[in-house]
Amino acid sequence: MTSGKKNFRVRFRGVRGSHPTPGSGTVRYGGNTSCVEVLAAEHRIILDAGTGIVSLGNEIARNPVADGKDREPLNLTILFSHTHHDHTQGFAFFKPAYFPTTTCHLFGPRLRGTELEEGLKTAMVSPYFPVALSELSSVLNIRSLHEAEIILFHHGDPKPKVLNYYRDNHNDVPFEVRVRAMHSLAHPNGGVFVYKIEMGGKCLVYATDTEGYSGGDQRLIRFAKDADLLIHDSQYMSKDYVQGDIVVQGYGHSTVEMAAEVAVQANAKRLALYHYDPFYDDSVIGEMEKKAQGIFKDSVASYEGLEIEL
């Protein structure tokens, strides 16, 4: 692994679940769906492509281009937790995907026999969308990932490398950034991937769309052990989880208490609440933050524009 202090920064681009919620009641935390940008040294890794990815793409597209010259080549990595709409609906409006100078490396789980590429194609199929996935001008490298595999990023090389964690001798391979995945079954239609991103002795764990178990999700707790930042699904207030108008137990989402308990048991350094119920306004999310802090002091309710340096 390379040595020396390098940037490891997390930016929240979309923090809502289920569907976008624009309006006066969501100004503080934002109304866009799931997307987190990670800047790890020279590598940009994007977690999910809900509508929050649209503003990120617009920022990238605004980078100045010299007159008469093509755009600088871009290599972007997007890690999909799964292919439900609120995690893919922004990709069709992601401007860099329309640039021929862009290469997008797309990774995600193979769920219920459906490859990642097929899931992404379905989100952009006619007559529901005018541009097919195959018609995008960028180069798309799409790969269904297995939880036994790891993704390595090397200094000076924008292309991620995939190795088998158990069979390949990856410990002898120098890397700058490493990504591992855990397949959680605590979400309908085959589950989701939880991702761990490591660089320079620091660790980020992204655990969206997962529901707690009695005694805590021990697989997730072990996977997130000592994480510097745990981003955890916290869609519901407990009262709505157990006695709301609609019974949501089994929907594959956690309460704020479930998220905080995982942070406690995993000995995480910081917890970011994430993937809020679309019917919650800013005041409710403020209450969620206070509840989380009562269990795990270093909790924050994530919001669009929040940056955390690891």
C-alpha atoms as a PDB file:
ATOM      1  CA  MET A   1       0.000   0.000   0.000  1.00  0.00           C
ATOM      2  CA  THR A   2       1.256   3.479  -0.733  1.00  0.00           C
ATOM      3  CA  SER A   3       2.146   5.722   2.182  1.00  0.00           C
ATOM      4  CA  GLY A   4       1.604   9.432   2.859  1.00  0.00           C
ATOM      5  CA  LYS A   5      -1.421  11.551   3.685  1.00  0.00           C
ATOM      6  CA  LYS A   6      -3.929  11.769   0.832  1.00  0.00           C
ATOM      7  CA  ASN A   7      -7.466  13.062   0.610  1.00  0.00           C
ATOM      8  CA  PHE A   8     -10.240  10.670   1.554  1.00  0.00           C
ATOM      9  CA  ARG A   9     -13.408  12.735   1.354  1.00  0.00           C
ATOM     10  CA  VAL A  10     -17.083  11.783   1.378  1.00  0.00           C
ATOM     11  CA  ARG A  11     -19.737  14.038  -0.174  1.00  0.00           C
ATOM     12  CA  PHE A  12     -23.444  13.332   0.162  1.00  0.00           C
ATOM     13  CA  ARG A  13     -25.329  14.043  -3.054  1.00  0.00           C
ATOM     14  CA  GLY A  14     -28.699  12.433  -2.334  1.00  0.00           C
ATOM     15  CA  VAL A  15     -29.951  11.070   0.990  1.00  0.00           C
ATOM     16  CA  ARG A  16     -33.632  10.183   0.444  1.00  0.00           C
ATOM     17  CA  GLY A  17     -35.199   6.791  -0.096  1.00  0.00           C
ATOM     18  CA  SER A  18     -37.923   5.533  -2.423  1.00  0.00           C
ATOM     19  CA  HIS A  19     -38.522   8.651  -4.544  1.00  0.00           C
ATOM     20  CA  PRO A  20     -37.385  12.285  -4.786  1.00  0.00           C
ATOM     21  CA  THR A  21     -39.108  14.751  -2.481  1.00  0.00           C
ATOM     22  CA  PRO A  22     -38.591  18.359  -3.596  1.00  0.00           C
ATOM     23  CA  GLY A  23     -40.355  21.113  -1.696  1.00  0.00           C
ATOM     24  CA  SER A  24     -40.171  23.556   1.179  1.00  0.00           C
ATOM     25  CA  GLY A  25     -40.208  20.773   3.785  1.00  0.00           C
ATOM     26  CA  THR A  26     -36.999  19.125   2.572  1.00  0.00           C
ATOM     27  CA  VAL A  27     -34.726  22.128   2.013  1.00  0.00           C
ATOM     28  CA  ARG A  28     -32.367  21.415   4.912  1.00  0.00           C
ATOM     29  CA  TYR A  29     -31.554  17.774   4.180  1.00  0.00           C
ATOM     30  CA  GLY A  30     -32.466  17.645   0.495  1.00  0.00           C
ATOM     31  CA  GLY A  31     -34.940  15.705  -1.584  1.00  0.00           C
ATOM     32  CA  ASN A  32     -32.756  13.703  -3.978  1.00  0.00           C
ATOM     33  CA  THR A  33     -32.403   9.937  -3.823  1.00  0.00           C
ATOM     34  CA  SER A  34     -29.342   7.883  -2.984  1.00  0.00           C
ATOM     35  CA  CYS A  35     -25.907   8.975  -4.142  1.00  0.00           C
ATOM     36  CA  VAL A  36     -22.637   9.415  -2.254  1.00  0.00           C
ATOM     37  CA  GLU A  37     -19.433  10.659  -3.882  1.00  0.00           C
ATOM     38  CA  VAL A  38     -16.114   9.429  -2.509  1.00  0.00           C
ATOM     39  CA  LEU A  39     -12.861  11.151  -3.460  1.00  0.00           C
ATOM     40  CA  ALA A  40     -10.040   8.803  -2.496  1.00  0.00           C
ATOM     41  CA  ALA A  41      -6.689  10.214  -3.577  1.00  0.00           C
ATOM     42  CA  GLU A  42      -6.991  10.553  -7.375  1.00  0.00           C
ATOM     43  CA  HIS A  43      -9.978   8.213  -7.651  1.00  0.00           C
ATOM     44  CA  ARG A  44     -13.644   9.217  -7.756  1.00  0.00           C
ATOM     45  CA  ILE A  45     -15.940   6.425  -6.570  1.00  0.00           C
ATOM     46  CA  ILE A  46     -19.702   6.958  -6.656  1.00  0.00           C
ATOM     47  CA  LEU A  47     -22.026   4.937  -4.445  1.00  0.00           C
ATOM     48  CA  ASP A  48     -25.412   4.471  -6.150  1.00  0.00           C
ATOM     49  CA  ALA A  49     -26.952   6.584  -8.881  1.00  0.00           C
ATOM     50  CA  GLY A  50     -30.205   7.973  -7.543  1.00  0.00           C
ATOM     51  CA  THR A  51     -31.194  11.501  -8.556  1.00  0.00           C
ATOM     52  CA  GLY A  52     -28.373  12.884  -6.422  1.00  0.00           C
ATOM     53  CA  ILE A  53     -25.932  11.857  -9.160  1.00  0.00           C
ATOM     54  CA  VAL A  54     -27.446  14.394 -11.570  1.00  0.00           C
ATOM     55  CA  SER A  55     -25.952  17.456  -9.860  1.00  0.00           C
ATOM     56  CA  LEU A  56     -22.617  15.650  -9.565  1.00  0.00           C
ATOM     57  CA  GLY A  57     -22.638  14.978 -13.295  1.00  0.00           C
ATOM     58  CA  ASN A  58     -23.474  18.602 -14.005  1.00  0.00           C
ATOM     59  CA  GLU A  59     -20.515  19.745 -11.905  1.00  0.00           C
ATOM     60  CA  ILE A  60     -18.155  17.395 -13.693  1.00  0.00           C
ATOM     61  CA  ALA A  61     -19.516  18.548 -17.066  1.00  0.00           C
ATOM     62  CA  ARG A  62     -18.858  22.185 -16.179  1.00  0.00           C
ATOM     63  CA  ASN A  63     -15.126  21.618 -15.894  1.00  0.00           C
ATOM     64  CA  PRO A  64     -13.473  24.096 -18.281  1.00  0.00           C
ATOM     65  CA  VAL A  65     -12.486  22.763 -21.687  1.00  0.00           C
ATOM     66  CA  ALA A  66      -9.886  24.556 -23.818  1.00  0.00           C
ATOM     67  CA  ASP A  67     -11.261  25.987 -27.065  1.00  0.00           C
ATOM     68  CA  GLY A  68     -10.885  23.589 -29.953  1.00  0.00           C
ATOM     69  CA  LYS A  69      -9.867  20.681 -27.729  1.00  0.00           C
ATOM     70  CA  ASP A  70     -11.712  17.573 -26.671  1.00  0.00           C
ATOM     71  CA  ARG A  71     -12.683  17.032 -23.075  1.00  0.00           C
ATOM     72  CA  GLU A  72     -10.133  15.452 -20.792  1.00  0.00           C
ATOM     73  CA  PRO A  73     -10.727  11.698 -20.483  1.00  0.00           C
ATOM     74  CA  LEU A  74     -12.702  10.693 -17.410  1.00  0.00           C
ATOM     75  CA  ASN A  75     -12.599   7.377 -15.560  1.00  0.00           C
ATOM     76  CA  LEU A  76     -15.481   7.062 -13.114  1.00  0.00           C
ATOM     77  CA  THR A  77     -16.437   4.121 -10.917  1.00  0.00           C
ATOM     78  CA  ILE A  78     -20.035   3.626  -9.778  1.00  0.00           C
ATOM     79  CA  LEU A  79     -20.882   0.986  -7.188  1.00  0.00           C
ATOM     80  CA  PHE A  80     -24.549   0.012  -7.174  1.00  0.00           C
ATOM     81  CA  SER A  81     -25.989  -1.451  -3.983  1.00  0.00           C
ATOM     82  CA  HIS A  82     -28.856  -2.870  -6.105  1.00  0.00           C
ATOM     83  CA  THR A  83     -31.012  -1.781  -9.029  1.00  0.00           C
ATOM     84  CA  HIS A  84     -34.191  -0.512  -7.414  1.00  0.00           C
ATOM     85  CA  HIS A  85     -35.326   2.755  -9.018  1.00  0.00           C
ATOM     86  CA  ASP A  86     -34.168   5.081  -6.262  1.00  0.00           C
ATOM     87  CA  HIS A  87     -30.604   3.827  -6.753  1.00  0.00           C
ATOM     88  CA  THR A  88     -30.486   3.929 -10.563  1.00  0.00           C
ATOM     89  CA  GLN A  89     -32.928   6.617 -11.730  1.00  0.00           C
ATOM     90  CA  GLY A  90     -30.300   9.352 -11.956  1.00  0.00           C
ATOM     91  CA  PHE A  91     -27.839   7.497 -14.178  1.00  0.00           C
ATOM     92  CA  ALA A  92     -29.849   8.196 -17.343  1.00  0.00           C
ATOM     93  CA  PHE A  93     -29.360  11.934 -16.625  1.00  0.00           C
ATOM     94  CA  PHE A  94     -25.676  11.704 -15.691  1.00  0.00           C
ATOM     95  CA  LYS A  95     -24.029  13.981 -18.260  1.00  0.00           C
ATOM     96  CA  PRO A  96     -20.540  12.403 -18.269  1.00  0.00           C
ATOM     97  CA  ALA A  97     -22.133   9.138 -19.476  1.00  0.00           C
ATOM     98  CA  TYR A  98     -22.914  10.944 -22.738  1.00  0.00           C
ATOM     99  CA  PHE A  99     -19.302  12.033 -23.391  1.00  0.00           C
ATOM    100  CA  PRO A 100     -17.241   9.762 -25.686  1.00  0.00           C
ATOM    101  CA  THR A 101     -14.164  10.667 -23.600  1.00  0.00           C
ATOM    102  CA  THR A 102     -15.676   9.090 -20.469  1.00  0.00           C
ATOM    103  CA  THR A 103     -15.182   5.538 -19.278  1.00  0.00           C
ATOM    104  CA  CYS A 104     -17.656   4.354 -16.640  1.00  0.00           C
ATOM    105  CA  HIS A 105     -16.745   1.307 -14.580  1.00  0.00           C
ATOM    106  CA  LEU A 106     -20.026   0.011 -13.172  1.00  0.00           C
ATOM    107  CA  PHE A 107     -20.133  -2.661 -10.459  1.00  0.00           C
ATOM    108  CA  GLY A 108     -22.991  -4.206  -8.537  1.00  0.00           C
ATOM    109  CA  PRO A 109     -24.564  -7.477  -7.420  1.00  0.00           C
ATOM    110  CA  ARG A 110     -26.121 -10.215  -9.500  1.00  0.00           C
ATOM    111  CA  LEU A 111     -29.504 -10.625  -7.833  1.00  0.00           C
ATOM    112  CA  ARG A 112     -32.032 -13.408  -8.393  1.00  0.00           C
ATOM    113  CA  GLY A 113     -30.247 -14.500 -11.569  1.00  0.00           C
ATOM    114  CA  THR A 114     -30.249 -11.019 -13.101  1.00  0.00           C
ATOM    115  CA  GLU A 115     -26.894  -9.560 -14.089  1.00  0.00           C
ATOM    116  CA  LEU A 116     -26.188  -5.927 -13.230  1.00  0.00           C
ATOM    117  CA  GLU A 117     -26.107  -4.917 -16.902  1.00  0.00           C
ATOM    118  CA  GLU A 118     -29.578  -6.340 -17.496  1.00  0.00           C
ATOM    119  CA  GLY A 119     -30.939  -4.425 -14.529  1.00  0.00           C
ATOM    120  CA  LEU A 120     -29.468  -1.159 -15.800  1.00  0.00           C
ATOM    121  CA  LYS A 121     -30.770  -1.798 -19.318  1.00  0.00           C
ATOM    122  CA  THR A 122     -34.284  -2.265 -17.982  1.00  0.00           C
ATOM    123  CA  ALA A 123     -34.168   1.183 -16.357  1.00  0.00           C
ATOM    124  CA  MET A 124     -33.562   2.784 -19.763  1.00  0.00           C
ATOM    125  CA  VAL A 125     -35.782   0.747 -22.046  1.00  0.00           C
ATOM    126  CA  SER A 126     -38.144   2.113 -24.710  1.00  0.00           C
ATOM    127  CA  PRO A 127     -40.910   3.348 -24.582  1.00  0.00           C
ATOM    128  CA  TYR A 128     -40.219   4.484 -21.004  1.00  0.00           C
ATOM    129  CA  PHE A 129     -36.973   6.307 -21.802  1.00  0.00           C
ATOM    130  CA  PRO A 130     -35.750   7.734 -25.123  1.00  0.00           C
ATOM    131  CA  VAL A 131     -32.088   6.632 -24.859  1.00  0.00           C
ATOM    132  CA  ALA A 132     -31.041   3.004 -24.437  1.00  0.00           C
ATOM    133  CA  LEU A 133     -28.066   2.080 -22.268  1.00  0.00           C
ATOM    134  CA  SER A 134     -26.247   0.842 -25.390  1.00  0.00           C
ATOM    135  CA  GLU A 135     -26.706   4.240 -27.057  1.00  0.00           C
ATOM    136  CA  LEU A 136     -24.686   6.187 -24.492  1.00  0.00           C
ATOM    137  CA  SER A 137     -21.513   7.655 -25.999  1.00  0.00           C
ATOM    138  CA  SER A 138     -19.264   6.743 -23.085  1.00  0.00           C
ATOM    139  CA  VAL A 139     -17.462   3.450 -22.726  1.00  0.00           C
ATOM    140  CA  LEU A 140     -19.347   1.317 -20.209  1.00  0.00           C
ATOM    141  CA  ASN A 141     -17.504  -1.472 -18.429  1.00  0.00           C
ATOM    142  CA  ILE A 142     -20.279  -3.250 -16.530  1.00  0.00           C
ATOM    143  CA  ARG A 143     -19.517  -6.134 -14.212  1.00  0.00           C
ATOM    144  CA  SER A 144     -21.592  -8.107 -11.743  1.00  0.00           C
ATOM    145  CA  LEU A 145     -19.457  -8.400  -8.640  1.00  0.00           C
ATOM    146  CA  HIS A 146     -19.297 -11.332  -6.236  1.00  0.00           C
ATOM    147  CA  GLU A 147     -18.764 -10.725  -2.534  1.00  0.00           C
ATOM    148  CA  ALA A 148     -15.658 -12.926  -2.703  1.00  0.00           C
ATOM    149  CA  GLU A 149     -14.061 -10.365  -5.035  1.00  0.00           C
ATOM    150  CA  ILE A 150     -12.262  -7.134  -4.241  1.00  0.00           C
ATOM    151  CA  ILE A 151     -11.672  -4.014  -6.335  1.00  0.00           C
ATOM    152  CA  LEU A 152      -8.231  -2.413  -6.191  1.00  0.00           C
ATOM    153  CA  PHE A 153      -7.247   1.064  -7.358  1.00  0.00           C
ATOM    154  CA  HIS A 154      -3.588   1.784  -8.026  1.00  0.00           C
ATOM    155  CA  HIS A 155      -1.746   5.089  -8.034  1.00  0.00           C
ATOM    156  CA  GLY A 156      -1.427   6.441 -11.570  1.00  0.00           C
ATOM    157  CA  ASP A 157      -3.898   3.927 -13.015  1.00  0.00           C
ATOM    158  CA  PRO A 158      -7.529   5.098 -13.341  1.00  0.00           C
ATOM    159  CA  LYS A 159      -8.833   1.622 -14.148  1.00  0.00           C
ATOM    160  CA  PRO A 160      -9.985  -0.538 -11.212  1.00  0.00           C
ATOM    161  CA  LYS A 161      -8.737  -4.116 -10.976  1.00  0.00           C
ATOM    162  CA  VAL A 162     -10.857  -7.021  -9.715  1.00  0.00           C
ATOM    163  CA  LEU A 163      -9.288  -9.903  -7.802  1.00  0.00           C
ATOM    164  CA  ASN A 164     -10.649 -12.837  -5.848  1.00  0.00           C
ATOM    165  CA  TYR A 165     -10.182 -12.152  -2.141  1.00  0.00           C
ATOM    166  CA  TYR A 166      -9.575 -15.812  -1.291  1.00  0.00           C
ATOM    167  CA  ARG A 167      -7.761 -17.228  -4.329  1.00  0.00           C
ATOM    168  CA  ASP A 168      -5.614 -14.353  -5.598  1.00  0.00           C
ATOM    169  CA  ASN A 169      -2.612 -13.311  -3.564  1.00  0.00           C
ATOM    170  CA  HIS A 170      -3.886  -9.740  -3.257  1.00  0.00           C
ATOM    171  CA  ASN A 171      -1.901  -9.000  -0.099  1.00  0.00           C
ATOM    172  CA  ASP A 172       1.252  -8.864  -2.225  1.00  0.00           C
ATOM    173  CA  VAL A 173      -0.350  -6.428  -4.690  1.00  0.00           C
ATOM    174  CA  PRO A 174       0.300  -2.766  -3.810  1.00  0.00           C
ATOM    175  CA  PHE A 175      -2.861  -0.674  -3.910  1.00  0.00           C
ATOM    176  CA  GLU A 176      -4.015   2.812  -3.067  1.00  0.00           C
ATOM    177  CA  VAL A 177      -7.725   2.110  -2.504  1.00  0.00           C
ATOM    178  CA  ARG A 178      -9.528  -1.177  -1.827  1.00  0.00           C
ATOM    179  CA  VAL A 179     -13.231  -1.976  -2.076  1.00  0.00           C
ATOM    180  CA  ARG A 180     -14.959  -5.011  -0.609  1.00  0.00           C
ATOM    181  CA  ALA A 181     -18.636  -5.989  -0.778  1.00  0.00           C
ATOM    182  CA  MET A 182     -20.911  -7.884   1.590  1.00  0.00           C
ATOM    183  CA  HIS A 183     -24.153  -9.372   0.285  1.00  0.00           C
ATOM    184  CA  SER A 184     -26.900  -8.498   2.745  1.00  0.00           C
ATOM    185  CA  LEU A 185     -30.154 -10.439   2.422  1.00  0.00           C
ATOM    186  CA  ALA A 186     -32.064  -7.944   4.575  1.00  0.00           C
ATOM    187  CA  HIS A 187     -33.845  -6.329   1.602  1.00  0.00           C
ATOM    188  CA  PRO A 188     -36.502  -7.693  -0.781  1.00  0.00           C
ATOM    189  CA  ASN A 189     -35.765  -9.177  -4.226  1.00  0.00           C
ATOM    190  CA  GLY A 190     -32.415 -10.723  -3.507  1.00  0.00           C
ATOM    191  CA  GLY A 191     -30.802  -8.300  -1.084  1.00  0.00           C
ATOM    192  CA  VAL A 192     -28.190  -5.590  -1.582  1.00  0.00           C
ATOM    193  CA  PHE A 193     -24.454  -5.054  -1.490  1.00  0.00           C
ATOM    194  CA  VAL A 194     -22.903  -3.270   1.462  1.00  0.00           C
ATOM    195  CA  TYR A 195     -19.590  -1.687   0.464  1.00  0.00           C
ATOM    196  CA  LYS A 196     -16.384  -1.068   2.396  1.00  0.00           C
ATOM    197  CA  ILE A 197     -13.871   1.416   0.960  1.00  0.00           C
ATOM    198  CA  GLU A 198     -10.395   1.476   2.525  1.00  0.00           C
ATOM    199  CA  MET A 199      -7.478   3.823   2.007  1.00  0.00           C
ATOM    200  CA  GLY A 200      -4.452   4.698   4.082  1.00  0.00           C
ATOM    201  CA  GLY A 201      -5.708   2.940   7.208  1.00  0.00           C
ATOM    202  CA  LYS A 202      -9.116   4.647   7.020  1.00  0.00           C
ATOM    203  CA  CYS A 203     -12.394   2.876   6.307  1.00  0.00           C
ATOM    204  CA  LEU A 204     -15.848   3.858   5.046  1.00  0.00           C
ATOM    205  CA  VAL A 205     -18.818   1.451   5.132  1.00  0.00           C
ATOM    206  CA  TYR A 206     -21.943   2.145   3.058  1.00  0.00           C
ATOM    207  CA  ALA A 207     -24.929   0.125   4.263  1.00  0.00           C
ATOM    208  CA  THR A 208     -28.133   1.324   2.643  1.00  0.00           C
ATOM    209  CA  ASP A 209     -31.434  -0.564   2.218  1.00  0.00           C
ATOM    210  CA  THR A 210     -30.857  -3.001   5.027  1.00  0.00           C
ATOM    211  CA  GLU A 211     -33.111  -3.934   7.938  1.00  0.00           C
ATOM    212  CA  GLY A 212     -31.975  -4.749  11.449  1.00  0.00           C
ATOM    213  CA  TYR A 213     -32.221  -8.107  13.158  1.00  0.00           C
ATOM    214  CA  SER A 214     -32.865  -8.991  16.791  1.00  0.00           C
ATOM    215  CA  GLY A 215     -29.528  -8.571  18.536  1.00  0.00           C
ATOM    216  CA  GLY A 216     -28.134  -6.656  15.572  1.00  0.00           C
ATOM    217  CA  ASP A 217     -27.013  -7.768  12.126  1.00  0.00           C
ATOM    218  CA  GLN A 218     -23.859  -9.562  13.219  1.00  0.00           C
ATOM    219  CA  ARG A 219     -22.513 -10.069   9.698  1.00  0.00           C
ATOM    220  CA  LEU A 220     -22.784  -6.342   9.052  1.00  0.00           C
ATOM    221  CA  ILE A 221     -21.373  -5.485  12.480  1.00  0.00           C
ATOM    222  CA  ARG A 222     -18.293  -7.602  11.791  1.00  0.00           C
ATOM    223  CA  PHE A 223     -17.955  -6.177   8.277  1.00  0.00           C
ATOM    224  CA  ALA A 224     -18.138  -2.617   9.645  1.00  0.00           C
ATOM    225  CA  LYS A 225     -15.842  -3.245  12.624  1.00  0.00           C
ATOM    226  CA  ASP A 226     -13.902  -0.081  13.595  1.00  0.00           C
ATOM    227  CA  ALA A 227     -15.123   1.844  10.533  1.00  0.00           C
ATOM    228  CA  ASP A 228     -14.154   5.521  10.559  1.00  0.00           C
ATOM    229  CA  LEU A 229     -17.528   6.324   8.999  1.00  0.00           C
ATOM    230  CA  LEU A 230     -20.601   4.107   8.837  1.00  0.00           C
ATOM    231  CA  ILE A 231     -23.352   5.294   6.483  1.00  0.00           C
ATOM    232  CA  HIS A 232     -26.427   3.311   7.511  1.00  0.00           C
ATOM    233  CA  ASP A 233     -30.003   3.122   6.304  1.00  0.00           C
ATOM    234  CA  SER A 234     -32.306   4.816   8.807  1.00  0.00           C
ATOM    235  CA  GLN A 235     -35.522   5.166   6.894  1.00  0.00           C
ATOM    236  CA  TYR A 236     -37.978   4.993   9.796  1.00  0.00           C
ATOM    237  CA  MET A 237     -38.793   6.366  13.191  1.00  0.00           C
ATOM    238  CA  SER A 238     -39.566   3.439  15.512  1.00  0.00           C
ATOM    239  CA  LYS A 239     -43.194   4.456  15.993  1.00  0.00           C
ATOM    240  CA  ASP A 240     -43.806   4.319  12.245  1.00  0.00           C
ATOM    241  CA  TYR A 241     -41.914   1.047  11.922  1.00  0.00           C
ATOM    242  CA  VAL A 242     -44.093  -0.785  14.441  1.00  0.00           C
ATOM    243  CA  GLN A 243     -47.454   0.983  14.293  1.00  0.00           C
ATOM    244  CA  GLY A 244     -47.687   3.139  11.195  1.00  0.00           C
ATOM    245  CA  ASP A 245     -50.622   3.214   8.778  1.00  0.00           C
ATOM    246  CA  ILE A 246     -48.729   0.732   6.600  1.00  0.00           C
ATOM    247  CA  VAL A 247     -46.897  -2.228   8.145  1.00  0.00           C
ATOM    248  CA  VAL A 248     -43.298  -1.736   6.997  1.00  0.00           C
ATOM    249  CA  GLN A 249     -41.542  -4.520   8.888  1.00  0.00           C
ATOM    250  CA  GLY A 250     -39.875  -6.649   6.245  1.00  0.00           C
ATOM    251  CA  TYR A 251     -39.601  -3.778   3.747  1.00  0.00           C
ATOM    252  CA  GLY A 252     -35.815  -3.965   4.063  1.00  0.00           C
ATOM    253  CA  HIS A 253     -35.178  -0.679   5.860  1.00  0.00           C
ATOM    254  CA  SER A 254     -33.993   0.190   9.351  1.00  0.00           C
ATOM    255  CA  THR A 255     -35.080   2.462  12.147  1.00  0.00           C
ATOM    256  CA  VAL A 256     -32.746   5.128  13.423  1.00  0.00           C
ATOM    257  CA  GLU A 257     -32.226   3.018  16.574  1.00  0.00           C
ATOM    258  CA  MET A 258     -31.174   0.006  14.495  1.00  0.00           C
ATOM    259  CA  ALA A 259     -28.566   2.130  12.714  1.00  0.00           C
ATOM    260  CA  ALA A 260     -27.198   3.530  15.969  1.00  0.00           C
ATOM    261  CA  GLU A 261     -26.961   0.074  17.552  1.00  0.00           C
ATOM    262  CA  VAL A 262     -24.912  -1.204  14.626  1.00  0.00           C
ATOM    263  CA  ALA A 263     -22.541   1.733  15.085  1.00  0.00           C
ATOM    264  CA  VAL A 264     -22.201   0.927  18.795  1.00  0.00           C
ATOM    265  CA  GLN A 265     -21.558  -2.782  18.305  1.00  0.00           C
ATOM    266  CA  ALA A 266     -19.202  -2.217  15.375  1.00  0.00           C
ATOM    267  CA  ASN A 267     -17.208   0.355  17.375  1.00  0.00           C
ATOM    268  CA  ALA A 268     -17.532   2.803  14.501  1.00  0.00           C
ATOM    269  CA  LYS A 269     -16.024   6.243  14.955  1.00  0.00           C
ATOM    270  CA  ARG A 270     -18.886   8.109  13.273  1.00  0.00           C
ATOM    271  CA  LEU A 271     -22.403   7.324  12.020  1.00  0.00           C
ATOM    272  CA  ALA A 272     -24.214   9.077   9.180  1.00  0.00           C
ATOM    273  CA  LEU A 273     -27.968   8.466   9.023  1.00  0.00           C
ATOM    274  CA  TYR A 274     -29.164   7.887   5.461  1.00  0.00           C
ATOM    275  CA  HIS A 275     -32.029   6.942   3.096  1.00  0.00           C
ATOM    276  CA  TYR A 276     -34.846   8.772   4.870  1.00  0.00           C
ATOM    277  CA  ASP A 277     -38.498   8.017   4.332  1.00  0.00           C
ATOM    278  CA  PRO A 278     -39.805  10.350   1.602  1.00  0.00           C
ATOM    279  CA  PHE A 279     -42.743  11.379   3.807  1.00  0.00           C
ATOM    280  CA  TYR A 280     -40.463  12.803   6.522  1.00  0.00           C
ATOM    281  CA  ASP A 281     -39.837  16.524   6.486  1.00  0.00           C
ATOM    282  CA  ASP A 282     -36.756  18.250   7.864  1.00  0.00           C
ATOM    283  CA  SER A 283     -38.151  18.494  11.399  1.00  0.00           C
ATOM    284  CA  VAL A 284     -38.598  14.719  11.627  1.00  0.00           C
ATOM    285  CA  ILE A 285     -35.051  14.084  10.428  1.00  0.00           C
ATOM    286  CA  GLY A 286     -33.829  16.522  13.062  1.00  0.00           C
ATOM    287  CA  GLU A 287     -35.592  14.360  15.656  1.00  0.00           C
ATOM    288  CA  MET A 288     -33.950  11.261  14.190  1.00  0.00           C
ATOM    289  CA  GLU A 289     -30.534  12.821  14.631  1.00  0.00           C
ATOM    290  CA  LYS A 290     -31.228  13.523  18.309  1.00  0.00           C
ATOM    291  CA  LYS A 291     -32.453   9.966  18.871  1.00  0.00           C
ATOM    292  CA  ALA A 292     -29.343   8.542  17.231  1.00  0.00           C
ATOM    293  CA  GLN A 293     -27.051  10.768  19.301  1.00  0.00           C
ATOM    294  CA  GLY A 294     -28.744   9.490  22.463  1.00  0.00           C
ATOM    295  CA  ILE A 295     -27.494   5.990  21.577  1.00  0.00           C
ATOM    296  CA  PHE A 296     -24.318   6.780  19.643  1.00  0.00           C
ATOM    297  CA  LYS A 297     -22.932  10.241  20.345  1.00  0.00           C
ATOM    298  CA  ASP A 298     -21.017  10.761  17.087  1.00  0.00           C
ATOM    299  CA  SER A 299     -24.097  10.547  14.855  1.00  0.00           C
ATOM    300  CA  VAL A 300     -25.077  13.010  12.145  1.00  0.00           C
ATOM    301  CA  ALA A 301     -28.115  13.172   9.899  1.00  0.00           C
ATOM    302  CA  SER A 302     -26.617  13.301   6.422  1.00  0.00           C
ATOM    303  CA  TYR A 303     -27.773  16.041   4.074  1.00  0.00           C
ATOM    304  CA  GLU A 304     -27.066  17.065   0.513  1.00  0.00           C
ATOM    305  CA  GLY A 305     -23.740  18.877   0.460  1.00  0.00           C
ATOM    306  CA  LEU A 306     -22.395  17.380   3.689  1.00  0.00           C
ATOM    307  CA  GLU A 307     -18.671  16.642   3.382  1.00  0.00           C
ATOM    308  CA  ILE A 308     -16.782  14.406   5.773  1.00  0.00           C
ATOM    309  CA  GLU A 309     -13.001  14.051   5.643  1.00  0.00           C
ATOM    310  CA  LEU A 310     -11.648  10.710   6.824  1.00  0.00           C
END
